[in-house]
PDB file of N, CA and C in Angstrom:
ATOM      1  N   MET A   1     -18.545  53.927  92.386  1.00  0.00           N
ATOM      2  CA  MET A   1     -17.447  53.160  92.753  1.00  0.00           C
ATOM      3  C   MET A   1     -17.817  53.534  94.467  1.00  0.00           C
ATOM      4  N   ASP A   2     -17.513  53.056  94.705  1.00  0.00           N
ATOM      5  CA  ASP A   2     -17.379  53.352  96.843  1.00  0.00           C
ATOM      6  C   ASP A   2     -16.670  52.650  97.173  1.00  0.00           C
ATOM      7  N   TYR A   3     -15.468  52.419  96.561  1.00  0.00           N
ATOM      8  CA  TYR A   3     -14.053  52.972  98.167  1.00  0.00           C
ATOM      9  C   TYR A   3     -13.551  53.791  98.489  1.00  0.00           C
ATOM     10  N   ASN A   4     -13.249  53.723  99.051  1.00  0.00           N
ATOM     11  CA  ASN A   4     -11.679  54.573  99.339  1.00  0.00           C
ATOM     12  C   ASN A   4     -10.656  54.522  98.522  1.00  0.00           C
ATOM     13  N   TYR A   5      -9.150  55.608  98.760  1.00  0.00           N
ATOM     14  CA  TYR A   5      -8.560  55.751  98.603  1.00  0.00           C
ATOM     15  C   TYR A   5      -7.308  55.555  99.573  1.00  0.00           C
ATOM     16  N   PRO A   6      -5.937  54.820  98.963  1.00  0.00           N
ATOM     17  CA  PRO A   6      -5.265  54.718  99.843  1.00  0.00           C
ATOM     18  C   PRO A   6      -4.789  55.760 100.021  1.00  0.00           C
ATOM     19  N   LEU A   7      -4.606  56.952 101.316  1.00  0.00           N
ATOM     20  CA  LEU A   7      -4.069  58.275 101.257  1.00  0.00           C
ATOM     21  C   LEU A   7      -3.668  57.476 102.496  1.00  0.00           C
ATOM     22  N   SER A   8      -1.942  58.644 103.125  1.00  0.00           N
ATOM     23  CA  SER A   8      -0.885  58.776 104.568  1.00  0.00           C
ATOM     24  C   SER A   8      -1.923  60.200 105.172  1.00  0.00           C
ATOM     25  N   HIS A   9      -1.972  60.196 105.851  1.00  0.00           N
ATOM     26  CA  HIS A   9      -2.303  62.219 106.693  1.00  0.00           C
ATOM     27  C   HIS A   9      -0.975  62.296 107.115  1.00  0.00           C
ATOM     28  N   HIS A  10       0.048  61.563 106.558  1.00  0.00           N
ATOM     29  CA  HIS A  10       1.413  62.923 106.586  1.00  0.00           C
ATOM     30  C   HIS A  10       1.550  63.694 104.779  1.00  0.00           C
ATOM     31  N   TRP A  11       0.577  63.175 104.131  1.00  0.00           N
ATOM     32  CA  TRP A  11       0.910  63.828 102.580  1.00  0.00           C
ATOM     33  C   TRP A  11       0.097  65.490 103.238  1.00  0.00           C
ATOM     34  N   THR A  12       0.159  66.117 102.344  1.00  0.00           N
ATOM     35  CA  THR A  12       0.388  67.426 102.142  1.00  0.00           C
ATOM     36  C   THR A  12      -1.589  67.141 100.758  1.00  0.00           C
ATOM     37  N   THR A  13      -2.051  68.072 100.852  1.00  0.00           N
ATOM     38  CA  THR A  13      -2.474  68.078  99.994  1.00  0.00           C
ATOM     39  C   THR A  13      -2.260  68.217  99.251  1.00  0.00           C
ATOM     40  N   GLU A  14      -1.381  68.537  98.011  1.00  0.00           N
ATOM     41  CA  GLU A  14      -0.991  68.910  96.811  1.00  0.00           C
ATOM     42  C   GLU A  14      -1.171  67.502  96.674  1.00  0.00           C
ATOM     43  N   GLU A  15       0.096  67.239  97.471  1.00  0.00           N
ATOM     44  CA  GLU A  15       0.436  65.344  97.318  1.00  0.00           C
ATOM     45  C   GLU A  15      -0.653  63.834  97.465  1.00  0.00           C
ATOM     46  N   ILE A  16      -1.669  64.671  98.175  1.00  0.00           N
ATOM     47  CA  ILE A  16      -3.167  63.800  98.641  1.00  0.00           C
ATOM     48  C   ILE A  16      -3.138  64.162  96.602  1.00  0.00           C
ATOM     49  N   ILE A  17      -3.867  64.945  96.487  1.00  0.00           N
ATOM     50  CA  ILE A  17      -4.509  66.144  95.341  1.00  0.00           C
ATOM     51  C   ILE A  17      -3.614  64.775  94.123  1.00  0.00           C
ATOM     52  N   ASP A  18      -2.238  64.572  94.048  1.00  0.00           N
ATOM     53  CA  ASP A  18      -1.441  64.207  93.185  1.00  0.00           C
ATOM     54  C   ASP A  18      -1.352  62.082  92.896  1.00  0.00           C
ATOM     55  N   VAL A  19      -1.530  61.321  93.861  1.00  0.00           N
ATOM     56  CA  VAL A  19      -2.212  60.435  94.538  1.00  0.00           C
ATOM     57  C   VAL A  19      -4.429  60.295  93.627  1.00  0.00           C
ATOM     58  N   VAL A  20      -4.520  60.771  94.624  1.00  0.00           N
ATOM     59  CA  VAL A  20      -5.700  60.387  93.532  1.00  0.00           C
ATOM     60  C   VAL A  20      -5.897  60.732  92.577  1.00  0.00           C
ATOM     61  N   ALA A  21      -4.866  60.990  91.868  1.00  0.00           N
ATOM     62  CA  ALA A  21      -4.780  61.790  90.571  1.00  0.00           C
ATOM     63  C   ALA A  21      -4.596  60.196  89.552  1.00  0.00           C
ATOM     64  N   PHE A  22      -3.401  59.872  90.532  1.00  0.00           N
ATOM     65  CA  PHE A  22      -2.948  58.362  89.722  1.00  0.00           C
ATOM     66  C   PHE A  22      -4.482  57.252  89.831  1.00  0.00           C
ATOM     67  N   PHE A  23      -4.790  57.518  90.697  1.00  0.00           N
ATOM     68  CA  PHE A  23      -5.757  55.934  91.127  1.00  0.00           C
ATOM     69  C   PHE A  23      -7.273  56.452  90.164  1.00  0.00           C
ATOM     70  N   GLN A  24      -7.292  57.573  89.260  1.00  0.00           N
ATOM     71  CA  GLN A  24      -8.407  58.054  88.892  1.00  0.00           C
ATOM     72  C   GLN A  24      -7.859  57.477  86.852  1.00  0.00           C
ATOM     73  N   VAL A  25      -6.982  57.614  86.479  1.00  0.00           N
ATOM     74  CA  VAL A  25      -6.317  57.374  85.722  1.00  0.00           C
ATOM     75  C   VAL A  25      -6.306  55.445  85.312  1.00  0.00           C
ATOM     76  N   VAL A  26      -5.600  55.208  86.430  1.00  0.00           N
ATOM     77  CA  VAL A  26      -5.642  53.509  86.579  1.00  0.00           C
ATOM     78  C   VAL A  26      -7.244  53.172  86.643  1.00  0.00           C
ATOM     79  N   GLU A  27      -7.967  53.623  86.988  1.00  0.00           N
ATOM     80  CA  GLU A  27      -9.665  53.721  87.152  1.00  0.00           C
ATOM     81  C   GLU A  27      -9.617  54.027  85.631  1.00  0.00           C
ATOM     82  N   LYS A  28      -9.519  54.577  84.735  1.00  0.00           N
ATOM     83  CA  LYS A  28     -10.098  55.009  83.074  1.00  0.00           C
ATOM     84  C   LYS A  28      -9.370  53.239  82.653  1.00  0.00           C
ATOM     85  N   ALA A  29      -8.627  53.720  82.309  1.00  0.00           N
ATOM     86  CA  ALA A  29      -7.595  52.402  82.198  1.00  0.00           C
ATOM     87  C   ALA A  29      -7.966  51.066  82.451  1.00  0.00           C
ATOM     88  N   TYR A  30      -8.927  51.145  83.858  1.00  0.00           N
ATOM     89  CA  TYR A  30      -9.764  49.394  83.109  1.00  0.00           C
ATOM     90  C   TYR A  30     -11.347  49.808  82.769  1.00  0.00           C
ATOM     91  N   GLU A  31     -11.633  50.925  83.149  1.00  0.00           N
ATOM     92  CA  GLU A  31     -13.274  51.870  82.475  1.00  0.00           C
ATOM     93  C   GLU A  31     -13.020  51.547  80.827  1.00  0.00           C
ATOM     94  N   ALA A  32     -12.015  52.626  80.444  1.00  0.00           N
ATOM     95  CA  ALA A  32     -11.931  52.770  78.374  1.00  0.00           C
ATOM     96  C   ALA A  32     -11.101  52.555  78.627  1.00  0.00           C
ATOM     97  N   GLN A  33     -10.289  54.287  78.193  1.00  0.00           N
ATOM     98  CA  GLN A  33      -8.618  54.010  77.776  1.00  0.00           C
ATOM     99  C   GLN A  33      -8.344  55.031  77.550  1.00  0.00           C
ATOM    100  N   ILE A  34      -6.672  55.473  78.706  1.00  0.00           N
ATOM    101  CA  ILE A  34      -6.109  56.215  78.874  1.00  0.00           C
ATOM    102  C   ILE A  34      -4.193  57.015  77.644  1.00  0.00           C
ATOM    103  N   GLU A  35      -4.420  58.035  77.158  1.00  0.00           N
ATOM    104  CA  GLU A  35      -3.499  58.034  76.595  1.00  0.00           C
ATOM    105  C   GLU A  35      -2.344  57.440  77.451  1.00  0.00           C
ATOM    106  N   ARG A  36      -1.351  56.503  76.946  1.00  0.00           N
ATOM    107  CA  ARG A  36       0.228  56.688  77.854  1.00  0.00           C
ATOM    108  C   ARG A  36       1.103  57.879  78.147  1.00  0.00           C
ATOM    109  N   SER A  37       1.051  58.441  77.824  1.00  0.00           N
ATOM    110  CA  SER A  37       1.862  59.712  78.177  1.00  0.00           C
ATOM    111  C   SER A  37       0.485  60.477  78.991  1.00  0.00           C
ATOM    112  N   SER A  38      -0.419  60.991  79.287  1.00  0.00           N
ATOM    113  CA  SER A  38      -1.448  61.389  80.722  1.00  0.00           C
ATOM    114  C   SER A  38      -0.886  59.722  81.272  1.00  0.00           C
ATOM    115  N   PHE A  39      -0.671  58.838  81.364  1.00  0.00           N
ATOM    116  CA  PHE A  39      -0.827  57.822  82.698  1.00  0.00           C
ATOM    117  C   PHE A  39       0.953  57.863  83.069  1.00  0.00           C
ATOM    118  N   MET A  40       2.088  57.975  82.345  1.00  0.00           N
ATOM    119  CA  MET A  40       3.012  58.185  82.661  1.00  0.00           C
ATOM    120  C   MET A  40       3.326  59.781  83.065  1.00  0.00           C
ATOM    121  N   ASP A  41       2.542  60.240  83.000  1.00  0.00           N
ATOM    122  CA  ASP A  41       2.559  62.240  84.067  1.00  0.00           C
ATOM    123  C   ASP A  41       1.498  60.926  85.148  1.00  0.00           C
ATOM    124  N   ALA A  42       1.161  61.351  85.290  1.00  0.00           N
ATOM    125  CA  ALA A  42       0.571  60.661  86.569  1.00  0.00           C
ATOM    126  C   ALA A  42       1.194  60.017  87.804  1.00  0.00           C
ATOM    127  N   TYR A  43       1.342  59.124  86.888  1.00  0.00           N
ATOM    128  CA  TYR A  43       2.510  58.283  87.354  1.00  0.00           C
ATOM    129  C   TYR A  43       3.571  58.912  88.679  1.00  0.00           C
ATOM    130  N   LYS A  44       3.646  59.351  87.317  1.00  0.00           N
ATOM    131  CA  LYS A  44       5.980  60.247  87.727  1.00  0.00           C
ATOM    132  C   LYS A  44       5.294  60.845  88.607  1.00  0.00           C
ATOM    133  N   LYS A  45       3.881  61.766  89.194  1.00  0.00           N
ATOM    134  CA  LYS A  45       3.306  62.568  90.283  1.00  0.00           C
ATOM    135  C   LYS A  45       3.370  61.620  91.446  1.00  0.00           C
ATOM    136  N   PHE A  46       2.756  60.550  90.903  1.00  0.00           N
ATOM    137  CA  PHE A  46       3.129  59.937  92.319  1.00  0.00           C
ATOM    138  C   PHE A  46       3.799  59.467  92.928  1.00  0.00           C
ATOM    139  N   LYS A  47       5.357  59.168  92.068  1.00  0.00           N
ATOM    140  CA  LYS A  47       6.124  58.950  92.315  1.00  0.00           C
ATOM    141  C   LYS A  47       7.021  59.787  93.303  1.00  0.00           C
ATOM    142  N   LYS A  48       7.109  60.901  93.149  1.00  0.00           N
ATOM    143  CA  LYS A  48       7.240  61.950  93.813  1.00  0.00           C
ATOM    144  C   LYS A  48       6.791  62.052  95.373  1.00  0.00           C
ATOM    145  N   VAL A  49       5.286  61.465  95.422  1.00  0.00           N
ATOM    146  CA  VAL A  49       4.686  61.593  96.771  1.00  0.00           C
ATOM    147  C   VAL A  49       5.178  60.075  97.398  1.00  0.00           C
ATOM    148  N   VAL A  50       5.570  59.200  96.377  1.00  0.00           N
ATOM    149  CA  VAL A  50       5.503  57.579  96.718  1.00  0.00           C
ATOM    150  C   VAL A  50       6.323  57.459  96.263  1.00  0.00           C
ATOM    151  N   PRO A  51       7.621  57.323  96.664  1.00  0.00           N
ATOM    152  CA  PRO A  51       9.144  56.837  95.941  1.00  0.00           C
ATOM    153  C   PRO A  51       9.598  55.129  96.473  1.00  0.00           C
ATOM    154  N   SER A  52       9.614  55.111  97.852  1.00  0.00           N
ATOM    155  CA  SER A  52       9.906  53.311  98.092  1.00  0.00           C
ATOM    156  C   SER A  52       9.109  52.917  96.935  1.00  0.00           C
ATOM    157  N   ILE A  53       9.594  51.698  96.682  1.00  0.00           N
ATOM    158  CA  ILE A  53       8.648  50.797  95.133  1.00  0.00           C
ATOM    159  C   ILE A  53       7.718  49.461  96.819  1.00  0.00           C
ATOM    160  N   ALA A  54       8.816  49.157  98.127  1.00  0.00           N
ATOM    161  CA  ALA A  54       7.630  48.620  98.649  1.00  0.00           C
ATOM    162  C   ALA A  54       6.787  49.405  99.452  1.00  0.00           C
ATOM    163  N   GLU A  55       6.509  50.368 100.357  1.00  0.00           N
ATOM    164  CA  GLU A  55       4.788  51.523 100.403  1.00  0.00           C
ATOM    165  C   GLU A  55       4.514  51.740  98.247  1.00  0.00           C
ATOM    166  N   GLU A  56       4.634  51.990  97.738  1.00  0.00           N
ATOM    167  CA  GLU A  56       4.283  51.289  96.023  1.00  0.00           C
ATOM    168  C   GLU A  56       3.841  50.479  95.462  1.00  0.00           C
ATOM    169  N   LYS A  57       4.122  48.940  96.124  1.00  0.00           N
ATOM    170  CA  LYS A  57       3.360  48.450  96.809  1.00  0.00           C
ATOM    171  C   LYS A  57       2.265  48.048  97.861  1.00  0.00           C
ATOM    172  N   THR A  58       2.715  48.531  98.593  1.00  0.00           N
ATOM    173  CA  THR A  58       1.578  48.316  99.710  1.00  0.00           C
ATOM    174  C   THR A  58       0.782  49.225  99.320  1.00  0.00           C
ATOM    175  N   ILE A  59       0.147  50.019  98.687  1.00  0.00           N
ATOM    176  CA  ILE A  59      -0.399  50.836  98.577  1.00  0.00           C
ATOM    177  C   ILE A  59      -1.461  50.354  96.893  1.00  0.00           C
ATOM    178  N   PHE A  60      -0.350  49.739  96.421  1.00  0.00           N
ATOM    179  CA  PHE A  60      -1.668  49.141  95.535  1.00  0.00           C
ATOM    180  C   PHE A  60      -1.751  48.441  95.850  1.00  0.00           C
ATOM    181  N   LYS A  61      -1.740  47.306  96.556  1.00  0.00           N
ATOM    182  CA  LYS A  61      -2.237  46.593  97.334  1.00  0.00           C
ATOM    183  C   LYS A  61      -3.549  46.621  97.496  1.00  0.00           C
ATOM    184  N   GLU A  62      -3.491  47.384  99.041  1.00  0.00           N
ATOM    185  CA  GLU A  62      -5.086  48.282  99.340  1.00  0.00           C
ATOM    186  C   GLU A  62      -5.981  48.991  98.679  1.00  0.00           C
ATOM    187  N   PHE A  63      -5.414  49.348  98.102  1.00  0.00           N
ATOM    188  CA  PHE A  63      -6.155  49.874  96.736  1.00  0.00           C
ATOM    189  C   PHE A  63      -6.803  48.948  95.808  1.00  0.00           C
ATOM    190  N   GLU A  64      -6.296  47.634  95.503  1.00  0.00           N
ATOM    191  CA  GLU A  64      -6.749  46.793  94.117  1.00  0.00           C
ATOM    192  C   GLU A  64      -7.692  46.437  95.303  1.00  0.00           C
ATOM    193  N   GLU A  65      -7.351  46.060  96.575  1.00  0.00           N
ATOM    194  CA  GLU A  65      -8.454  45.825  97.324  1.00  0.00           C
ATOM    195  C   GLU A  65      -9.787  46.034  97.832  1.00  0.00           C
ATOM    196  N   ALA A  66      -9.396  47.569  97.938  1.00  0.00           N
ATOM    197  CA  ALA A  66     -10.978  47.656  98.109  1.00  0.00           C
ATOM    198  C   ALA A  66     -11.404  48.215  96.013  1.00  0.00           C
ATOM    199  N   SER A  67     -11.169  48.306  95.062  1.00  0.00           N
ATOM    200  CA  SER A  67     -11.807  48.914  94.151  1.00  0.00           C
ATOM    201  C   SER A  67     -11.522  47.297  93.214  1.00  0.00           C
ATOM    202  N   GLY A  68     -10.445  46.227  93.436  1.00  0.00           N
ATOM    203  CA  GLY A  68     -10.286  45.661  91.779  1.00  0.00           C
ATOM    204  C   GLY A  68      -9.691  45.512  90.982  1.00  0.00           C
ATOM    205  N   PHE A  69      -9.525  46.822  90.949  1.00  0.00           N
ATOM    206  CA  PHE A  69      -8.627  47.052  90.438  1.00  0.00           C
ATOM    207  C   PHE A  69      -7.017  47.316  90.791  1.00  0.00           C
ATOM    208  N   ASN A  70      -5.975  46.796  89.999  1.00  0.00           N
ATOM    209  CA  ASN A  70      -4.401  45.881  89.403  1.00  0.00           C
ATOM    210  C   ASN A  70      -3.652  47.175  88.993  1.00  0.00           C
ATOM    211  N   SER A  71      -3.441  47.733  90.196  1.00  0.00           N
ATOM    212  CA  SER A  71      -2.490  49.130  89.172  1.00  0.00           C
ATOM    213  C   SER A  71      -1.183  48.834  88.860  1.00  0.00           C
ATOM    214  N   TYR A  72      -1.438  48.316  89.754  1.00  0.00           N
ATOM    215  CA  TYR A  72       0.793  47.267  88.968  1.00  0.00           C
ATOM    216  C   TYR A  72       0.406  46.892  87.477  1.00  0.00           C
ATOM    217  N   ARG A  73      -0.431  46.244  87.058  1.00  0.00           N
ATOM    218  CA  ARG A  73      -0.689  44.921  85.109  1.00  0.00           C
ATOM    219  C   ARG A  73      -0.284  46.782  84.489  1.00  0.00           C
ATOM    220  N   ILE A  74      -1.271  48.272  84.689  1.00  0.00           N
ATOM    221  CA  ILE A  74      -1.501  48.548  84.481  1.00  0.00           C
ATOM    222  C   ILE A  74      -0.310  49.748  84.092  1.00  0.00           C
ATOM    223  N   VAL A  75       0.603  49.933  85.091  1.00  0.00           N
ATOM    224  CA  VAL A  75       2.188  50.163  85.085  1.00  0.00           C
ATOM    225  C   VAL A  75       2.841  49.725  84.430  1.00  0.00           C
ATOM    226  N   LYS A  76       2.519  48.323  84.983  1.00  0.00           N
ATOM    227  CA  LYS A  76       4.154  47.714  83.393  1.00  0.00           C
ATOM    228  C   LYS A  76       3.784  47.763  81.821  1.00  0.00           C
ATOM    229  N   LYS A  77       1.706  47.452  81.664  1.00  0.00           N
ATOM    230  CA  LYS A  77       1.803  48.324  80.311  1.00  0.00           C
ATOM    231  C   LYS A  77       2.175  49.284  79.910  1.00  0.00           C
ATOM    232  N   ALA A  78       2.330  50.224  81.030  1.00  0.00           N
ATOM    233  CA  ALA A  78       2.452  51.864  79.898  1.00  0.00           C
ATOM    234  C   ALA A  78       4.179  51.587  80.427  1.00  0.00           C
ATOM    235  N   LYS A  79       4.971  51.411  81.096  1.00  0.00           N
ATOM    236  CA  LYS A  79       6.546  50.755  81.062  1.00  0.00           C
ATOM    237  C   LYS A  79       6.313  50.799  79.569  1.00  0.00           C
ATOM    238  N   GLU A  80       6.022  49.402  79.182  1.00  0.00           N
ATOM    239  CA  GLU A  80       6.026  48.674  78.116  1.00  0.00           C
ATOM    240  C   GLU A  80       5.733  49.753  76.314  1.00  0.00           C
ATOM    241  N   GLY A  81       4.786  50.568  77.306  1.00  0.00           N
ATOM    242  CA  GLY A  81       3.765  50.996  76.081  1.00  0.00           C
ATOM    243  C   GLY A  81       5.247  52.055  75.957  1.00  0.00           C
ATOM    244  N   THR A  82       4.654  53.052  74.280  1.00  0.00           N
ATOM    245  CA  THR A  82       5.995  53.634  73.370  1.00  0.00           C
ATOM    246  C   THR A  82       4.750  54.830  73.082  1.00  0.00           C
ATOM    247  N   ASP A  83       5.219  56.160  73.221  1.00  0.00           N
ATOM    248  CA  ASP A  83       4.478  57.310  73.715  1.00  0.00           C
ATOM    249  C   ASP A  83       4.123  57.510  71.755  1.00  0.00           C
ATOM    250  N   GLY A  84       2.684  57.926  72.790  1.00  0.00           N
ATOM    251  CA  GLY A  84       0.985  57.527  71.476  1.00  0.00           C
ATOM    252  C   GLY A  84       0.332  56.979  71.848  1.00  0.00           C
ATOM    253  N   ASP A  85       0.391  56.039  72.424  1.00  0.00           N
ATOM    254  CA  ASP A  85       0.242  54.844  72.098  1.00  0.00           C
ATOM    255  C   ASP A  85      -1.330  54.597  73.662  1.00  0.00           C
ATOM    256  N   SER A  86      -2.805  54.225  73.216  1.00  0.00           N
ATOM    257  CA  SER A  86      -2.850  54.211  74.609  1.00  0.00           C
ATOM    258  C   SER A  86      -3.454  53.123  75.087  1.00  0.00           C
ATOM    259  N   ILE A  87      -4.110  53.858  76.410  1.00  0.00           N
ATOM    260  CA  ILE A  87      -3.676  52.119  77.726  1.00  0.00           C
ATOM    261  C   ILE A  87      -4.849  51.470  77.799  1.00  0.00           C
ATOM    262  N   SER A  88      -5.525  50.813  78.398  1.00  0.00           N
ATOM    263  CA  SER A  88      -6.915  50.081  78.180  1.00  0.00           C
ATOM    264  C   SER A  88      -6.276  48.776  79.134  1.00  0.00           C
ATOM    265  N   PHE A  89      -7.138  47.788  79.538  1.00  0.00           N
ATOM    266  CA  PHE A  89      -7.541  46.670  80.620  1.00  0.00           C
ATOM    267  C   PHE A  89      -8.349  46.329  80.820  1.00  0.00           C
ATOM    268  N   LYS A  90      -9.205  46.837  80.040  1.00  0.00           N
ATOM    269  CA  LYS A  90     -10.271  45.750  79.953  1.00  0.00           C
ATOM    270  C   LYS A  90     -10.994  44.429  78.953  1.00  0.00           C
TER     271      LYS A  90
END
């Protein structure tokens, strides 16, 4: 993977770590599978950093343009699932 994650220079180191961790679980869902609960934990931390829906959409779009991975589809699939489910988008 040869792309950069969409990050803000306004975020703290901890916030950057949470955002990067979220994008890594999105990648994992595309490349293999991930437990829904692990994904939702990462998404909740991401939402603490990026609470605005508009900013989330912008960041998701930037990530998709860079990586080809659509974060929205994975989030939607995770929200529709139940605990104990695995998420994959192969």
